Amino acid sequence: MKNTKLLVVFAILTTTLLACSSSFEIADKWKNDNFNDLKDKKVLVVYKTENTVTKQRFENDLAEKLRAEGVDATAAHKAFPKSLQHKQVRDEVEMAKVIKTITDAGYHGVVLTVLKDQSQQTESTTTGGYTTGGYYPSYYGGYGGFGGYYGSVYGYGHGYGYGGGSMYVPQETTTRVVDVYLFETVIYDLDLADDKELVGVVSVKLTDPESYSKIAPKYTSAIAAQFTDEVK
């Protein structure tokens, strides 16, 4: 019975920890037939944010990931440490100057990442509400042949494994407020007409992100995959 109780406690703790962990989800992913032409062009990686440290870190990580896939990518803060400093809004005249600065330096594509939305949501997680112990038909499929089963499993009534007395785990609902962030990476080919420059998009939903180091590799990989996967 002691072993059975330990299994129950472990199951509850595992479920609770998983429920409270952060999540990474690709909310949307798209690219068109013109995207493949961008693979052989010089690309500028831009993260629009007021946080200078995060900007530099993400731009460096994404540029490095793209270069590993054969893309000629450079972080914006390195290419233009002064002329492309963060500004929340720019008018048409200012944007024309920005685009000229980028194209005059030989860049034909831009991979731009922005925080599109930030909100809070309430999540409810229910655990328990089941009985542990005893035998259940649904377990039978994974036991293998008679020799392996008979030679290893304990007999009835010993209180070990699945053979002991049963225990009901009461149902419990936990409610928590989580932070949800929607990031979007838009990919442009500056050699195309204005209404055709957008060639790819990757949108990512982050729920209660634990740390930059755990999220960034997944995000940069999702963007890099746009350059390695063929358009279908």
C-alpha atoms as a PDB file:
ATOM      1  CA  MET A   1       0.000   0.000   0.000  1.00  0.00           C
ATOM      2  CA  LYS A   2       2.910   2.310   0.738  1.00  0.00           C
ATOM      3  CA  ASN A   3       4.213   2.027  -2.835  1.00  0.00           C
ATOM      4  CA  THR A   4       0.747   2.693  -4.228  1.00  0.00           C
ATOM      5  CA  LYS A   5       0.451   5.871  -2.179  1.00  0.00           C
ATOM      6  CA  LEU A   6       3.824   7.048  -3.420  1.00  0.00           C
ATOM      7  CA  LEU A   7       2.690   6.538  -7.001  1.00  0.00           C
ATOM      8  CA  VAL A   8      -0.429   8.598  -6.319  1.00  0.00           C
ATOM      9  CA  VAL A   9       1.572  11.457  -4.777  1.00  0.00           C
ATOM     10  CA  PHE A  10       4.024  11.440  -7.689  1.00  0.00           C
ATOM     11  CA  ALA A  11       1.185  11.532 -10.206  1.00  0.00           C
ATOM     12  CA  ILE A  12      -0.430  14.514  -8.486  1.00  0.00           C
ATOM     13  CA  LEU A  13       2.852  16.444  -8.248  1.00  0.00           C
ATOM     14  CA  THR A  14       3.724  15.762 -11.887  1.00  0.00           C
ATOM     15  CA  THR A  15       0.319  16.903 -13.091  1.00  0.00           C
ATOM     16  CA  THR A  16       0.519  20.075 -11.017  1.00  0.00           C
ATOM     17  CA  LEU A  17       4.017  20.937 -12.233  1.00  0.00           C
ATOM     18  CA  LEU A  18       3.046  20.423 -15.854  1.00  0.00           C
ATOM     19  CA  ALA A  19      -0.012  22.587 -15.397  1.00  0.00           C
ATOM     20  CA  CYS A  20       2.107  25.441 -14.036  1.00  0.00           C
ATOM     21  CA  SER A  21       4.862  25.282 -16.634  1.00  0.00           C
ATOM     22  CA  SER A  22       5.256  27.742 -19.480  1.00  0.00           C
ATOM     23  CA  SER A  23       4.175  26.906 -23.003  1.00  0.00           C
ATOM     24  CA  PHE A  24       5.412  27.747 -26.504  1.00  0.00           C
ATOM     25  CA  GLU A  25       2.960  27.540 -29.371  1.00  0.00           C
ATOM     26  CA  ILE A  26       3.273  28.470 -33.041  1.00  0.00           C
ATOM     27  CA  ALA A  27       0.004  30.330 -33.560  1.00  0.00           C
ATOM     28  CA  ASP A  28       0.456  30.890 -37.297  1.00  0.00           C
ATOM     29  CA  LYS A  29       3.017  30.199 -39.980  1.00  0.00           C
ATOM     30  CA  TRP A  30       2.911  31.293 -43.609  1.00  0.00           C
ATOM     31  CA  LYS A  31       5.068  32.058 -46.615  1.00  0.00           C
ATOM     32  CA  ASN A  32       4.470  32.492 -50.333  1.00  0.00           C
ATOM     33  CA  ASP A  33       6.174  31.416 -53.531  1.00  0.00           C
ATOM     34  CA  ASN A  34       8.499  34.436 -53.516  1.00  0.00           C
ATOM     35  CA  PHE A  35      10.091  33.389 -50.226  1.00  0.00           C
ATOM     36  CA  ASN A  36      12.650  31.072 -51.815  1.00  0.00           C
ATOM     37  CA  ASP A  37      14.245  34.015 -53.650  1.00  0.00           C
ATOM     38  CA  LEU A  38      15.188  35.531 -50.284  1.00  0.00           C
ATOM     39  CA  LYS A  39      17.383  32.598 -49.266  1.00  0.00           C
ATOM     40  CA  ASP A  40      20.341  33.823 -51.319  1.00  0.00           C
ATOM     41  CA  LYS A  41      20.057  37.488 -50.359  1.00  0.00           C
ATOM     42  CA  LYS A  42      21.598  39.584 -47.596  1.00  0.00           C
ATOM     43  CA  VAL A  43      19.122  39.804 -44.699  1.00  0.00           C
ATOM     44  CA  LEU A  44      18.862  42.215 -41.761  1.00  0.00           C
ATOM     45  CA  VAL A  45      17.524  40.875 -38.442  1.00  0.00           C
ATOM     46  CA  VAL A  46      15.542  43.438 -36.421  1.00  0.00           C
ATOM     47  CA  TYR A  47      13.804  43.107 -33.056  1.00  0.00           C
ATOM     48  CA  LYS A  48      11.706  46.200 -32.331  1.00  0.00           C
ATOM     49  CA  THR A  49      11.773  46.777 -28.579  1.00  0.00           C
ATOM     50  CA  GLU A  50      12.772  49.429 -26.066  1.00  0.00           C
ATOM     51  CA  ASN A  51      14.798  46.867 -24.123  1.00  0.00           C
ATOM     52  CA  THR A  52      18.288  47.249 -25.576  1.00  0.00           C
ATOM     53  CA  VAL A  53      19.734  44.161 -23.907  1.00  0.00           C
ATOM     54  CA  THR A  54      16.933  41.876 -25.093  1.00  0.00           C
ATOM     55  CA  LYS A  55      17.072  43.426 -28.567  1.00  0.00           C
ATOM     56  CA  GLN A  56      20.771  42.723 -28.934  1.00  0.00           C
ATOM     57  CA  ARG A  57      20.505  39.231 -27.506  1.00  0.00           C
ATOM     58  CA  PHE A  58      17.606  38.142 -29.707  1.00  0.00           C
ATOM     59  CA  GLU A  59      19.017  39.706 -32.862  1.00  0.00           C
ATOM     60  CA  ASN A  60      22.350  37.986 -32.260  1.00  0.00           C
ATOM     61  CA  ASP A  61      20.733  34.608 -31.566  1.00  0.00           C
ATOM     62  CA  LEU A  62      18.423  34.750 -34.567  1.00  0.00           C
ATOM     63  CA  ALA A  63      21.130  35.978 -36.936  1.00  0.00           C
ATOM     64  CA  GLU A  64      23.417  33.181 -35.752  1.00  0.00           C
ATOM     65  CA  LYS A  65      20.661  30.606 -36.239  1.00  0.00           C
ATOM     66  CA  LEU A  66      19.978  31.853 -39.773  1.00  0.00           C
ATOM     67  CA  ARG A  67      23.673  31.862 -40.674  1.00  0.00           C
ATOM     68  CA  ALA A  68      23.878  28.246 -39.529  1.00  0.00           C
ATOM     69  CA  GLU A  69      21.232  27.516 -42.174  1.00  0.00           C
ATOM     70  CA  GLY A  70      23.235  29.299 -44.883  1.00  0.00           C
ATOM     71  CA  VAL A  71      21.433  32.663 -44.744  1.00  0.00           C
ATOM     72  CA  ASP A  72      23.579  35.820 -44.928  1.00  0.00           C
ATOM     73  CA  ALA A  73      22.021  37.442 -41.849  1.00  0.00           C
ATOM     74  CA  THR A  74      23.234  40.323 -39.677  1.00  0.00           C
ATOM     75  CA  ALA A  75      21.858  41.753 -36.425  1.00  0.00           C
ATOM     76  CA  ALA A  76      20.522  45.298 -36.903  1.00  0.00           C
ATOM     77  CA  HIS A  77      22.220  46.677 -33.793  1.00  0.00           C
ATOM     78  CA  LYS A  78      25.567  45.628 -35.232  1.00  0.00           C
ATOM     79  CA  ALA A  79      24.937  46.822 -38.769  1.00  0.00           C
ATOM     80  CA  PHE A  80      23.395  50.144 -37.716  1.00  0.00           C
ATOM     81  CA  PRO A  81      24.266  50.888 -34.077  1.00  0.00           C
ATOM     82  CA  LYS A  82      23.086  54.516 -34.338  1.00  0.00           C
ATOM     83  CA  SER A  83      20.886  55.042 -37.387  1.00  0.00           C
ATOM     84  CA  LEU A  84      18.326  52.351 -36.473  1.00  0.00           C
ATOM     85  CA  GLN A  85      17.822  53.111 -32.798  1.00  0.00           C
ATOM     86  CA  HIS A  86      14.407  52.242 -31.400  1.00  0.00           C
ATOM     87  CA  LYS A  87      11.509  54.579 -32.112  1.00  0.00           C
ATOM     88  CA  GLN A  88       7.919  53.517 -31.517  1.00  0.00           C
ATOM     89  CA  VAL A  89       6.418  55.362 -34.503  1.00  0.00           C
ATOM     90  CA  ARG A  90       7.959  56.707 -37.733  1.00  0.00           C
ATOM     91  CA  ASP A  91       6.217  58.696 -40.468  1.00  0.00           C
ATOM     92  CA  GLU A  92       6.530  57.998 -44.210  1.00  0.00           C
ATOM     93  CA  VAL A  93       9.479  60.349 -44.664  1.00  0.00           C
ATOM     94  CA  GLU A  94      11.402  58.751 -41.808  1.00  0.00           C
ATOM     95  CA  MET A  95      10.622  55.247 -43.069  1.00  0.00           C
ATOM     96  CA  ALA A  96      11.822  56.143 -46.537  1.00  0.00           C
ATOM     97  CA  LYS A  97      15.161  57.170 -45.012  1.00  0.00           C
ATOM     98  CA  VAL A  98      15.329  53.943 -42.981  1.00  0.00           C
ATOM     99  CA  ILE A  99      14.669  51.804 -46.056  1.00  0.00           C
ATOM    100  CA  LYS A 100      17.282  53.713 -48.063  1.00  0.00           C
ATOM    101  CA  THR A 101      19.819  53.219 -45.270  1.00  0.00           C
ATOM    102  CA  ILE A 102      19.159  49.485 -45.275  1.00  0.00           C
ATOM    103  CA  THR A 103      19.190  48.986 -49.044  1.00  0.00           C
ATOM    104  CA  ASP A 104      22.231  51.226 -49.580  1.00  0.00           C
ATOM    105  CA  ALA A 105      24.125  48.922 -47.209  1.00  0.00           C
ATOM    106  CA  GLY A 106      23.321  45.973 -49.474  1.00  0.00           C
ATOM    107  CA  TYR A 107      20.470  44.378 -47.543  1.00  0.00           C
ATOM    108  CA  HIS A 108      17.650  42.961 -49.648  1.00  0.00           C
ATOM    109  CA  GLY A 109      15.573  41.349 -46.915  1.00  0.00           C
ATOM    110  CA  VAL A 110      14.390  42.130 -43.390  1.00  0.00           C
ATOM    111  CA  VAL A 111      13.338  39.716 -40.642  1.00  0.00           C
ATOM    112  CA  LEU A 112      11.399  41.895 -38.195  1.00  0.00           C
ATOM    113  CA  THR A 113      10.137  40.664 -34.807  1.00  0.00           C
ATOM    114  CA  VAL A 114       7.655  42.580 -32.656  1.00  0.00           C
ATOM    115  CA  LEU A 115       5.512  42.003 -29.588  1.00  0.00           C
ATOM    116  CA  LYS A 116       1.983  42.185 -31.039  1.00  0.00           C
ATOM    117  CA  ASP A 117      -0.062  41.691 -27.908  1.00  0.00           C
ATOM    118  CA  GLN A 118       0.217  41.082 -24.175  1.00  0.00           C
ATOM    119  CA  SER A 119      -2.644  39.980 -21.939  1.00  0.00           C
ATOM    120  CA  GLN A 120      -3.597  37.954 -18.899  1.00  0.00           C
ATOM    121  CA  GLN A 121      -5.812  34.896 -18.898  1.00  0.00           C
ATOM    122  CA  THR A 122      -7.340  32.730 -16.205  1.00  0.00           C
ATOM    123  CA  GLU A 123      -6.634  29.014 -16.456  1.00  0.00           C
ATOM    124  CA  SER A 124      -8.290  26.227 -14.496  1.00  0.00           C
ATOM    125  CA  THR A 125      -6.641  22.840 -14.083  1.00  0.00           C
ATOM    126  CA  THR A 126      -8.446  19.806 -12.711  1.00  0.00           C
ATOM    127  CA  THR A 127      -6.577  16.876 -11.159  1.00  0.00           C
ATOM    128  CA  GLY A 128      -7.688  13.707  -9.420  1.00  0.00           C
ATOM    129  CA  GLY A 129     -11.142  12.203  -9.699  1.00  0.00           C
ATOM    130  CA  TYR A 130      -9.879   8.688 -10.388  1.00  0.00           C
ATOM    131  CA  THR A 131      -9.067   5.455  -8.568  1.00  0.00           C
ATOM    132  CA  THR A 132      -5.575   4.007  -8.466  1.00  0.00           C
ATOM    133  CA  GLY A 133      -4.560   0.442  -7.663  1.00  0.00           C
ATOM    134  CA  GLY A 134      -5.982  -2.832  -8.996  1.00  0.00           C
ATOM    135  CA  TYR A 135      -5.915  -4.028 -12.601  1.00  0.00           C
ATOM    136  CA  TYR A 136      -7.450  -2.210 -15.537  1.00  0.00           C
ATOM    137  CA  PRO A 137      -7.999  -3.728 -18.985  1.00  0.00           C
ATOM    138  CA  SER A 138      -6.528  -0.657 -20.698  1.00  0.00           C
ATOM    139  CA  TYR A 139      -3.086  -1.509 -19.298  1.00  0.00           C
ATOM    140  CA  TYR A 140      -2.907  -4.918 -20.871  1.00  0.00           C
ATOM    141  CA  GLY A 141      -1.652  -3.893 -24.274  1.00  0.00           C
ATOM    142  CA  GLY A 142       1.835  -2.872 -23.103  1.00  0.00           C
ATOM    143  CA  TYR A 143       2.750  -5.862 -20.987  1.00  0.00           C
ATOM    144  CA  GLY A 144       4.369  -7.997 -23.687  1.00  0.00           C
ATOM    145  CA  GLY A 145       4.411 -11.818 -23.626  1.00  0.00           C
ATOM    146  CA  PHE A 146       3.529 -14.193 -20.826  1.00  0.00           C
ATOM    147  CA  GLY A 147       7.134 -14.842 -19.777  1.00  0.00           C
ATOM    148  CA  GLY A 148       7.987 -11.203 -19.207  1.00  0.00           C
ATOM    149  CA  TYR A 149       4.727 -10.492 -17.439  1.00  0.00           C
ATOM    150  CA  TYR A 150       4.645 -13.546 -15.242  1.00  0.00           C
ATOM    151  CA  GLY A 151       8.308 -13.297 -14.342  1.00  0.00           C
ATOM    152  CA  SER A 152       8.230  -9.701 -13.147  1.00  0.00           C
ATOM    153  CA  VAL A 153       4.840  -8.577 -11.859  1.00  0.00           C
ATOM    154  CA  TYR A 154       3.881  -9.154  -8.220  1.00  0.00           C
ATOM    155  CA  GLY A 155       0.949 -11.404  -7.354  1.00  0.00           C
ATOM    156  CA  TYR A 156      -2.380 -10.242  -6.013  1.00  0.00           C
ATOM    157  CA  GLY A 157      -2.761  -8.954  -2.488  1.00  0.00           C
ATOM    158  CA  HIS A 158       0.835  -7.850  -1.778  1.00  0.00           C
ATOM    159  CA  GLY A 159       0.150  -4.130  -2.004  1.00  0.00           C
ATOM    160  CA  TYR A 160       2.822  -3.476  -4.647  1.00  0.00           C
ATOM    161  CA  GLY A 161       2.593  -2.285  -8.238  1.00  0.00           C
ATOM    162  CA  TYR A 162      -0.945  -2.505  -9.553  1.00  0.00           C
ATOM    163  CA  GLY A 163      -1.968  -5.472  -7.393  1.00  0.00           C
ATOM    164  CA  GLY A 164      -2.676  -3.848  -4.023  1.00  0.00           C
ATOM    165  CA  GLY A 165      -5.737  -2.128  -2.650  1.00  0.00           C
ATOM    166  CA  SER A 166      -7.263   0.750  -4.545  1.00  0.00           C
ATOM    167  CA  MET A 167      -7.330   4.409  -3.495  1.00  0.00           C
ATOM    168  CA  TYR A 168      -9.598   7.212  -4.707  1.00  0.00           C
ATOM    169  CA  VAL A 169      -7.856  10.478  -5.543  1.00  0.00           C
ATOM    170  CA  PRO A 170     -10.309  13.346  -4.925  1.00  0.00           C
ATOM    171  CA  GLN A 171     -10.878  15.832  -7.723  1.00  0.00           C
ATOM    172  CA  GLU A 172      -9.261  19.219  -7.223  1.00  0.00           C
ATOM    173  CA  THR A 173      -9.432  22.335  -9.399  1.00  0.00           C
ATOM    174  CA  THR A 174      -6.686  24.970  -9.335  1.00  0.00           C
ATOM    175  CA  THR A 175      -7.162  28.415 -10.876  1.00  0.00           C
ATOM    176  CA  ARG A 176      -4.312  30.749 -11.765  1.00  0.00           C
ATOM    177  CA  VAL A 177      -3.722  33.894 -13.797  1.00  0.00           C
ATOM    178  CA  VAL A 178      -1.139  33.548 -16.582  1.00  0.00           C
ATOM    179  CA  ASP A 179       0.628  36.101 -18.753  1.00  0.00           C
ATOM    180  CA  VAL A 180       0.173  35.543 -22.469  1.00  0.00           C
ATOM    181  CA  TYR A 181       2.402  37.155 -25.111  1.00  0.00           C
ATOM    182  CA  LEU A 182       1.868  37.095 -28.865  1.00  0.00           C
ATOM    183  CA  PHE A 183       5.046  37.692 -30.853  1.00  0.00           C
ATOM    184  CA  GLU A 184       5.103  38.065 -34.612  1.00  0.00           C
ATOM    185  CA  THR A 185       8.013  37.820 -37.018  1.00  0.00           C
ATOM    186  CA  VAL A 186       7.392  39.235 -40.474  1.00  0.00           C
ATOM    187  CA  ILE A 187       9.813  38.590 -43.326  1.00  0.00           C
ATOM    188  CA  TYR A 188      10.186  41.022 -46.227  1.00  0.00           C
ATOM    189  CA  ASP A 189      11.908  40.933 -49.605  1.00  0.00           C
ATOM    190  CA  LEU A 190      12.796  44.571 -50.312  1.00  0.00           C
ATOM    191  CA  ASP A 191      13.427  43.854 -54.000  1.00  0.00           C
ATOM    192  CA  LEU A 192       9.705  43.354 -54.592  1.00  0.00           C
ATOM    193  CA  ALA A 193       6.949  45.924 -55.001  1.00  0.00           C
ATOM    194  CA  ASP A 194       5.541  47.385 -51.774  1.00  0.00           C
ATOM    195  CA  ASP A 195       2.372  45.302 -51.915  1.00  0.00           C
ATOM    196  CA  LYS A 196       4.383  42.110 -52.476  1.00  0.00           C
ATOM    197  CA  GLU A 197       7.306  42.613 -50.086  1.00  0.00           C
ATOM    198  CA  LEU A 198       5.797  40.456 -47.331  1.00  0.00           C
ATOM    199  CA  VAL A 199       6.853  36.893 -48.094  1.00  0.00           C
ATOM    200  CA  GLY A 200       6.594  35.139 -44.714  1.00  0.00           C
ATOM    201  CA  VAL A 201       5.119  35.314 -41.211  1.00  0.00           C
ATOM    202  CA  VAL A 202       5.684  33.369 -37.977  1.00  0.00           C
ATOM    203  CA  SER A 203       3.402  34.108 -35.003  1.00  0.00           C
ATOM    204  CA  VAL A 204       4.194  32.632 -31.601  1.00  0.00           C
ATOM    205  CA  LYS A 205       2.092  32.477 -28.443  1.00  0.00           C
ATOM    206  CA  LEU A 206       3.989  32.334 -25.155  1.00  0.00           C
ATOM    207  CA  THR A 207       2.233  31.517 -21.902  1.00  0.00           C
ATOM    208  CA  ASP A 208       4.072  32.410 -18.688  1.00  0.00           C
ATOM    209  CA  PRO A 209       7.552  32.214 -20.257  1.00  0.00           C
ATOM    210  CA  GLU A 210      10.055  31.054 -17.648  1.00  0.00           C
ATOM    211  CA  SER A 211      13.224  32.537 -19.123  1.00  0.00           C
ATOM    212  CA  TYR A 212      14.722  33.862 -22.328  1.00  0.00           C
ATOM    213  CA  SER A 213      17.134  30.919 -22.579  1.00  0.00           C
ATOM    214  CA  LYS A 214      14.265  28.402 -22.699  1.00  0.00           C
ATOM    215  CA  ILE A 215      12.109  30.263 -25.211  1.00  0.00           C
ATOM    216  CA  ALA A 216      14.611  31.824 -27.643  1.00  0.00           C
ATOM    217  CA  PRO A 217      15.998  28.560 -29.115  1.00  0.00           C
ATOM    218  CA  LYS A 218      12.472  27.386 -29.989  1.00  0.00           C
ATOM    219  CA  TYR A 219      11.490  30.719 -31.513  1.00  0.00           C
ATOM    220  CA  THR A 220      14.646  31.197 -33.560  1.00  0.00           C
ATOM    221  CA  SER A 221      14.374  27.614 -34.811  1.00  0.00           C
ATOM    222  CA  ALA A 222      10.794  28.225 -35.941  1.00  0.00           C
ATOM    223  CA  ILE A 223      11.910  31.277 -37.947  1.00  0.00           C
ATOM    224  CA  ALA A 224      14.933  29.510 -39.409  1.00  0.00           C
ATOM    225  CA  ALA A 225      12.674  26.668 -40.518  1.00  0.00           C
ATOM    226  CA  GLN A 226      11.005  29.092 -42.910  1.00  0.00           C
ATOM    227  CA  PHE A 227      14.290  29.305 -44.795  1.00  0.00           C
ATOM    228  CA  THR A 228      14.929  25.561 -44.842  1.00  0.00           C
ATOM    229  CA  ASP A 229      11.449  24.212 -45.587  1.00  0.00           C
ATOM    230  CA  GLU A 230      10.350  24.357 -49.204  1.00  0.00           C
ATOM    231  CA  VAL A 231       7.183  26.242 -50.086  1.00  0.00           C
ATOM    232  CA  LYS A 232       4.369  23.746 -50.659  1.00  0.00           C
END
